[in-house]
Amino acid sequence: MPTYDYRCENCGPFAAIRRVAERDMPCTCPTCESQAQRTLSLPSLSLMAAGARTGHQINERSAHAPQRSGEYKHRHGPGCGCGSSSTKGATSAGGLKTNPAGRPWMISH
């Protein structure tokens, strides 16, 4: 259950753990037992670890429109070369390696 912030007119602010369905209903102050209204507060992002903050940011971004695996694929056609970092070896039509450096005395293994 989440923690919500409330403000009592007599005692000041306090936090209460409540069900989501009860979040907007007044809460009883633990000190004077009067009814207190919920207050909205900013999240403490500056106190949060950088990894957790990044995780929350990614979750918020993907919550409204998650990306499907079909949408995640490379957007260019096959063989465009912009998404591949591997270099293919130069081969001749017969499958033998060609010598791009121009050194015929070196044998390729």
N, C-alpha and C. Protein backbone atom coordinates (compact mmCIF):
# COMPACT_ATOMS: atom_id res chain seq x y z
N MET A 1 0.85 -1.18 0.00
CA MET A 1 0.00 0.00 0.00
C MET A 1 0.90 1.25 0.00
N PRO A 2 0.51 2.27 -0.73
CA PRO A 2 1.33 3.48 -0.81
C PRO A 2 1.17 4.38 0.42
N THR A 3 2.15 5.25 0.58
CA THR A 3 2.13 6.23 1.66
C THR A 3 1.61 7.55 1.12
N TYR A 4 0.65 8.16 1.81
CA TYR A 4 0.07 9.43 1.41
C TYR A 4 0.34 10.47 2.49
N ASP A 5 0.46 11.72 2.07
CA ASP A 5 0.70 12.83 3.00
C ASP A 5 -0.62 13.51 3.33
N TYR A 6 -0.82 13.79 4.61
CA TYR A 6 -2.01 14.48 5.10
C TYR A 6 -1.58 15.65 5.97
N ARG A 7 -2.48 16.61 6.14
CA ARG A 7 -2.19 17.77 6.99
C ARG A 7 -3.35 17.98 7.96
N CYS A 8 -3.01 17.86 9.24
CA CYS A 8 -3.98 18.10 10.30
C CYS A 8 -3.95 19.60 10.64
N GLU A 9 -5.13 20.20 10.83
CA GLU A 9 -5.21 21.63 11.17
C GLU A 9 -4.58 21.92 12.53
N ASN A 10 -4.62 20.94 13.45
CA ASN A 10 -4.10 21.15 14.80
C ASN A 10 -2.64 20.74 14.95
N CYS A 11 -2.25 19.61 14.34
CA CYS A 11 -0.93 19.03 14.58
C CYS A 11 0.07 19.22 13.44
N GLY A 12 -0.40 19.48 12.24
CA GLY A 12 0.51 19.66 11.11
C GLY A 12 0.54 18.43 10.21
N PRO A 13 1.60 18.32 9.40
CA PRO A 13 1.65 17.23 8.42
C PRO A 13 1.99 15.87 9.04
N PHE A 14 1.47 14.82 8.43
CA PHE A 14 1.81 13.45 8.80
C PHE A 14 1.60 12.56 7.59
N ALA A 15 2.17 11.38 7.63
CA ALA A 15 2.05 10.41 6.53
C ALA A 15 1.26 9.21 7.01
N ALA A 16 0.49 8.63 6.11
CA ALA A 16 -0.31 7.45 6.44
C ALA A 16 -0.26 6.47 5.28
N ILE A 17 -0.20 5.19 5.63
CA ILE A 17 -0.23 4.13 4.63
C ILE A 17 -1.68 3.70 4.47
N ARG A 18 -2.20 3.86 3.25
CA ARG A 18 -3.61 3.56 3.00
C ARG A 18 -3.77 2.86 1.67
N ARG A 19 -4.94 2.28 1.48
CA ARG A 19 -5.27 1.68 0.19
C ARG A 19 -5.49 2.77 -0.84
N VAL A 20 -5.30 2.43 -2.10
CA VAL A 20 -5.48 3.39 -3.18
C VAL A 20 -6.92 3.88 -3.24
N ALA A 21 -7.86 3.01 -2.96
CA ALA A 21 -9.28 3.39 -3.00
C ALA A 21 -9.62 4.41 -1.91
N GLU A 22 -8.84 4.46 -0.84
CA GLU A 22 -9.10 5.37 0.28
C GLU A 22 -8.25 6.64 0.24
N ARG A 23 -7.51 6.85 -0.83
CA ARG A 23 -6.53 7.94 -0.86
C ARG A 23 -7.17 9.33 -0.78
N ASP A 24 -8.34 9.53 -1.33
CA ASP A 24 -8.96 10.85 -1.35
C ASP A 24 -9.86 11.11 -0.14
N MET A 25 -10.13 10.08 0.65
CA MET A 25 -10.98 10.25 1.83
C MET A 25 -10.15 10.85 2.96
N PRO A 26 -10.77 11.65 3.84
CA PRO A 26 -10.03 12.21 4.98
C PRO A 26 -9.47 11.10 5.87
N CYS A 27 -8.33 11.38 6.48
CA CYS A 27 -7.66 10.40 7.34
C CYS A 27 -7.67 10.93 8.78
N THR A 28 -7.73 10.03 9.73
CA THR A 28 -7.72 10.41 11.14
C THR A 28 -6.29 10.71 11.58
N CYS A 29 -6.09 11.86 12.20
CA CYS A 29 -4.77 12.26 12.69
C CYS A 29 -4.35 11.31 13.82
N PRO A 30 -3.12 10.79 13.79
CA PRO A 30 -2.70 9.85 14.84
C PRO A 30 -2.51 10.52 16.20
N THR A 31 -2.37 11.85 16.26
CA THR A 31 -2.14 12.54 17.53
C THR A 31 -3.44 12.99 18.19
N CYS A 32 -4.23 13.79 17.45
CA CYS A 32 -5.45 14.36 18.06
C CYS A 32 -6.74 13.70 17.56
N GLU A 33 -6.65 12.78 16.64
CA GLU A 33 -7.77 12.01 16.09
C GLU A 33 -8.82 12.86 15.38
N SER A 34 -8.42 14.03 14.87
CA SER A 34 -9.35 14.81 14.05
C SER A 34 -9.16 14.41 12.58
N GLN A 35 -10.10 14.78 11.74
CA GLN A 35 -10.03 14.43 10.32
C GLN A 35 -9.06 15.37 9.60
N ALA A 36 -8.18 14.80 8.78
CA ALA A 36 -7.19 15.58 8.04
C ALA A 36 -7.35 15.32 6.55
N GLN A 37 -7.13 16.36 5.75
CA GLN A 37 -7.23 16.25 4.30
C GLN A 37 -5.87 15.87 3.71
N ARG A 38 -5.93 15.19 2.60
CA ARG A 38 -4.70 14.78 1.90
C ARG A 38 -4.05 15.99 1.24
N THR A 39 -2.73 16.04 1.29
CA THR A 39 -1.97 17.09 0.61
C THR A 39 -1.12 16.45 -0.48
N LEU A 40 -0.90 17.19 -1.53
CA LEU A 40 -0.05 16.70 -2.61
C LEU A 40 1.36 17.23 -2.40
N SER A 41 2.34 16.35 -2.55
CA SER A 41 3.73 16.75 -2.38
C SER A 41 4.54 16.30 -3.58
N LEU A 42 5.65 16.95 -3.80
CA LEU A 42 6.52 16.60 -4.91
C LEU A 42 7.34 15.37 -4.56
N PRO A 43 7.66 14.54 -5.53
CA PRO A 43 8.51 13.39 -5.24
C PRO A 43 9.93 13.86 -4.92
N SER A 44 10.59 13.13 -4.06
CA SER A 44 11.95 13.51 -3.65
C SER A 44 12.97 12.93 -4.63
N LEU A 45 12.98 13.46 -5.83
CA LEU A 45 13.89 12.95 -6.86
C LEU A 45 15.34 13.28 -6.56
N SER A 46 15.60 14.39 -5.89
CA SER A 46 16.99 14.75 -5.62
C SER A 46 17.62 13.82 -4.59
N LEU A 47 16.82 13.18 -3.76
CA LEU A 47 17.34 12.26 -2.76
C LEU A 47 17.44 10.83 -3.29
N MET A 48 16.89 10.59 -4.46
CA MET A 48 16.85 9.25 -5.03
C MET A 48 18.17 8.93 -5.74
N ALA A 49 18.57 7.67 -5.71
CA ALA A 49 19.77 7.23 -6.41
C ALA A 49 19.60 7.44 -7.92
N ALA A 50 20.70 7.70 -8.62
CA ALA A 50 20.63 7.99 -10.05
C ALA A 50 20.04 6.83 -10.84
N GLY A 51 20.39 5.60 -10.49
CA GLY A 51 19.85 4.44 -11.19
C GLY A 51 18.36 4.29 -11.02
N ALA A 52 17.87 4.54 -9.82
CA ALA A 52 16.43 4.46 -9.57
C ALA A 52 15.69 5.58 -10.30
N ARG A 53 16.30 6.77 -10.32
CA ARG A 53 15.68 7.90 -11.02
C ARG A 53 15.57 7.61 -12.51
N THR A 54 16.62 7.03 -13.09
CA THR A 54 16.60 6.67 -14.51
C THR A 54 15.55 5.60 -14.77
N GLY A 55 15.44 4.63 -13.89
CA GLY A 55 14.43 3.58 -14.04
C GLY A 55 13.02 4.13 -14.00
N HIS A 56 12.76 5.07 -13.08
CA HIS A 56 11.44 5.70 -13.02
C HIS A 56 11.15 6.48 -14.30
N GLN A 57 12.17 7.15 -14.82
CA GLN A 57 11.99 7.94 -16.04
C GLN A 57 11.64 7.03 -17.22
N ILE A 58 12.31 5.91 -17.34
CA ILE A 58 12.04 4.97 -18.43
C ILE A 58 10.65 4.37 -18.28
N ASN A 59 10.26 4.02 -17.05
CA ASN A 59 8.93 3.46 -16.83
C ASN A 59 7.84 4.47 -17.16
N GLU A 60 8.03 5.72 -16.78
CA GLU A 60 7.04 6.75 -17.09
C GLU A 60 6.90 6.96 -18.59
N ARG A 61 8.03 6.92 -19.28
CA ARG A 61 8.01 7.15 -20.72
C ARG A 61 7.29 6.03 -21.44
N SER A 62 7.44 4.80 -20.98
CA SER A 62 6.85 3.67 -21.68
C SER A 62 5.48 3.27 -21.13
N ALA A 63 5.00 3.92 -20.09
CA ALA A 63 3.74 3.51 -19.48
C ALA A 63 2.54 3.78 -20.38
N HIS A 64 2.53 4.90 -21.08
CA HIS A 64 1.35 5.25 -21.87
C HIS A 64 1.35 4.57 -23.24
N ALA A 65 2.51 4.27 -23.80
CA ALA A 65 2.57 3.63 -25.12
C ALA A 65 3.80 2.73 -25.18
N PRO A 66 3.72 1.53 -24.63
CA PRO A 66 4.89 0.65 -24.66
C PRO A 66 5.25 0.27 -26.09
N GLN A 67 6.55 0.14 -26.32
CA GLN A 67 7.02 -0.19 -27.66
C GLN A 67 6.99 -1.70 -27.85
N ARG A 68 6.41 -2.14 -28.95
CA ARG A 68 6.34 -3.57 -29.25
C ARG A 68 7.63 -4.01 -29.90
N SER A 69 7.88 -5.31 -29.88
CA SER A 69 9.12 -5.82 -30.46
C SER A 69 9.20 -5.54 -31.95
N GLY A 70 8.08 -5.53 -32.66
CA GLY A 70 8.09 -5.23 -34.08
C GLY A 70 8.46 -3.78 -34.36
N GLU A 71 8.15 -2.89 -33.42
CA GLU A 71 8.49 -1.48 -33.57
C GLU A 71 9.93 -1.19 -33.19
N TYR A 72 10.55 -2.10 -32.45
CA TYR A 72 11.90 -1.90 -31.95
C TYR A 72 12.96 -2.24 -33.00
N LYS A 73 12.56 -2.93 -34.06
CA LYS A 73 13.50 -3.36 -35.08
C LYS A 73 14.15 -2.17 -35.77
N HIS A 74 15.24 -2.47 -36.45
CA HIS A 74 15.96 -1.46 -37.20
C HIS A 74 15.05 -0.88 -38.27
N ARG A 75 14.97 0.41 -38.39
CA ARG A 75 13.99 1.06 -39.26
C ARG A 75 14.43 1.12 -40.73
N HIS A 76 15.70 0.99 -41.01
CA HIS A 76 16.17 1.04 -42.39
C HIS A 76 16.09 -0.35 -43.02
N GLY A 77 16.22 -0.40 -44.30
CA GLY A 77 16.17 -1.68 -45.00
C GLY A 77 17.42 -2.51 -44.75
N PRO A 78 17.39 -3.78 -45.14
CA PRO A 78 18.57 -4.62 -44.93
C PRO A 78 19.74 -4.13 -45.77
N GLY A 79 20.92 -4.19 -45.19
CA GLY A 79 22.13 -3.80 -45.90
C GLY A 79 22.42 -2.32 -45.90
N CYS A 80 21.71 -1.52 -45.08
CA CYS A 80 21.95 -0.08 -45.11
C CYS A 80 23.29 0.26 -44.47
N GLY A 81 23.77 -0.55 -43.52
CA GLY A 81 25.08 -0.36 -42.94
C GLY A 81 25.13 0.60 -41.77
N CYS A 82 24.09 1.33 -41.48
CA CYS A 82 24.16 2.31 -40.39
C CYS A 82 23.98 1.64 -39.03
N GLY A 83 23.36 0.50 -38.96
CA GLY A 83 23.11 -0.13 -37.67
C GLY A 83 24.07 -1.26 -37.35
N SER A 84 24.92 -1.61 -38.26
CA SER A 84 25.82 -2.73 -38.04
C SER A 84 27.22 -2.21 -37.79
N SER A 85 27.82 -2.66 -36.69
CA SER A 85 29.18 -2.23 -36.38
C SER A 85 30.21 -3.27 -36.81
N SER A 86 29.76 -4.45 -37.17
CA SER A 86 30.70 -5.49 -37.58
C SER A 86 31.10 -5.28 -39.03
N THR A 87 32.36 -5.56 -39.32
CA THR A 87 32.84 -5.44 -40.70
C THR A 87 32.97 -6.83 -41.28
N LYS A 88 32.53 -6.98 -42.48
CA LYS A 88 32.61 -8.28 -43.14
C LYS A 88 33.93 -8.36 -43.88
N GLY A 89 34.49 -9.55 -43.90
CA GLY A 89 35.73 -9.75 -44.62
C GLY A 89 35.49 -9.69 -46.12
N ALA A 90 36.48 -9.20 -46.83
CA ALA A 90 36.34 -9.11 -48.28
C ALA A 90 36.55 -10.48 -48.89
N THR A 91 35.60 -10.93 -49.67
CA THR A 91 35.71 -12.24 -50.32
C THR A 91 35.48 -12.08 -51.81
N SER A 92 36.03 -13.00 -52.54
CA SER A 92 35.81 -12.99 -53.99
C SER A 92 34.55 -13.77 -54.30
N ALA A 93 34.18 -13.83 -55.57
CA ALA A 93 32.97 -14.53 -55.98
C ALA A 93 33.05 -16.01 -55.67
N GLY A 94 34.25 -16.59 -55.65
CA GLY A 94 34.41 -18.01 -55.36
C GLY A 94 34.46 -18.32 -53.88
N GLY A 95 34.40 -17.32 -53.03
CA GLY A 95 34.42 -17.54 -51.60
C GLY A 95 35.80 -17.40 -50.99
N LEU A 96 36.84 -17.22 -51.82
CA LEU A 96 38.19 -17.03 -51.29
C LEU A 96 38.36 -15.59 -50.83
N LYS A 97 39.18 -15.41 -49.80
CA LYS A 97 39.42 -14.07 -49.31
C LYS A 97 40.29 -13.30 -50.29
N THR A 98 39.91 -12.08 -50.54
CA THR A 98 40.75 -11.23 -51.37
C THR A 98 41.73 -10.51 -50.49
N ASN A 99 42.70 -9.90 -51.09
CA ASN A 99 43.73 -9.22 -50.34
C ASN A 99 43.54 -7.72 -50.48
N PRO A 100 42.84 -7.06 -49.53
CA PRO A 100 42.58 -5.63 -49.67
C PRO A 100 43.82 -4.77 -49.51
N ALA A 101 44.86 -5.28 -48.85
CA ALA A 101 46.06 -4.48 -48.64
C ALA A 101 47.02 -4.56 -49.81
N GLY A 102 46.79 -5.43 -50.75
CA GLY A 102 47.67 -5.54 -51.91
C GLY A 102 48.98 -6.26 -51.60
N ARG A 103 48.93 -7.24 -50.73
CA ARG A 103 50.13 -8.00 -50.37
C ARG A 103 49.93 -9.45 -50.80
N PRO A 104 50.27 -9.78 -52.03
CA PRO A 104 50.00 -11.13 -52.52
C PRO A 104 50.85 -12.21 -51.84
N TRP A 105 51.94 -11.85 -51.19
CA TRP A 105 52.78 -12.85 -50.55
C TRP A 105 52.21 -13.33 -49.22
N MET A 106 51.20 -12.60 -48.65
CA MET A 106 50.61 -13.02 -47.39
C MET A 106 49.44 -13.95 -47.66
N ILE A 107 49.43 -15.06 -46.98
CA ILE A 107 48.38 -16.05 -47.17
C ILE A 107 47.36 -15.89 -46.04
N SER A 108 46.13 -15.82 -46.41
CA SER A 108 45.07 -15.69 -45.42
C SER A 108 44.73 -17.05 -44.84
N HIS A 109 44.49 -17.11 -43.56
CA HIS A 109 44.16 -18.39 -42.92
C HIS A 109 42.69 -18.53 -42.75
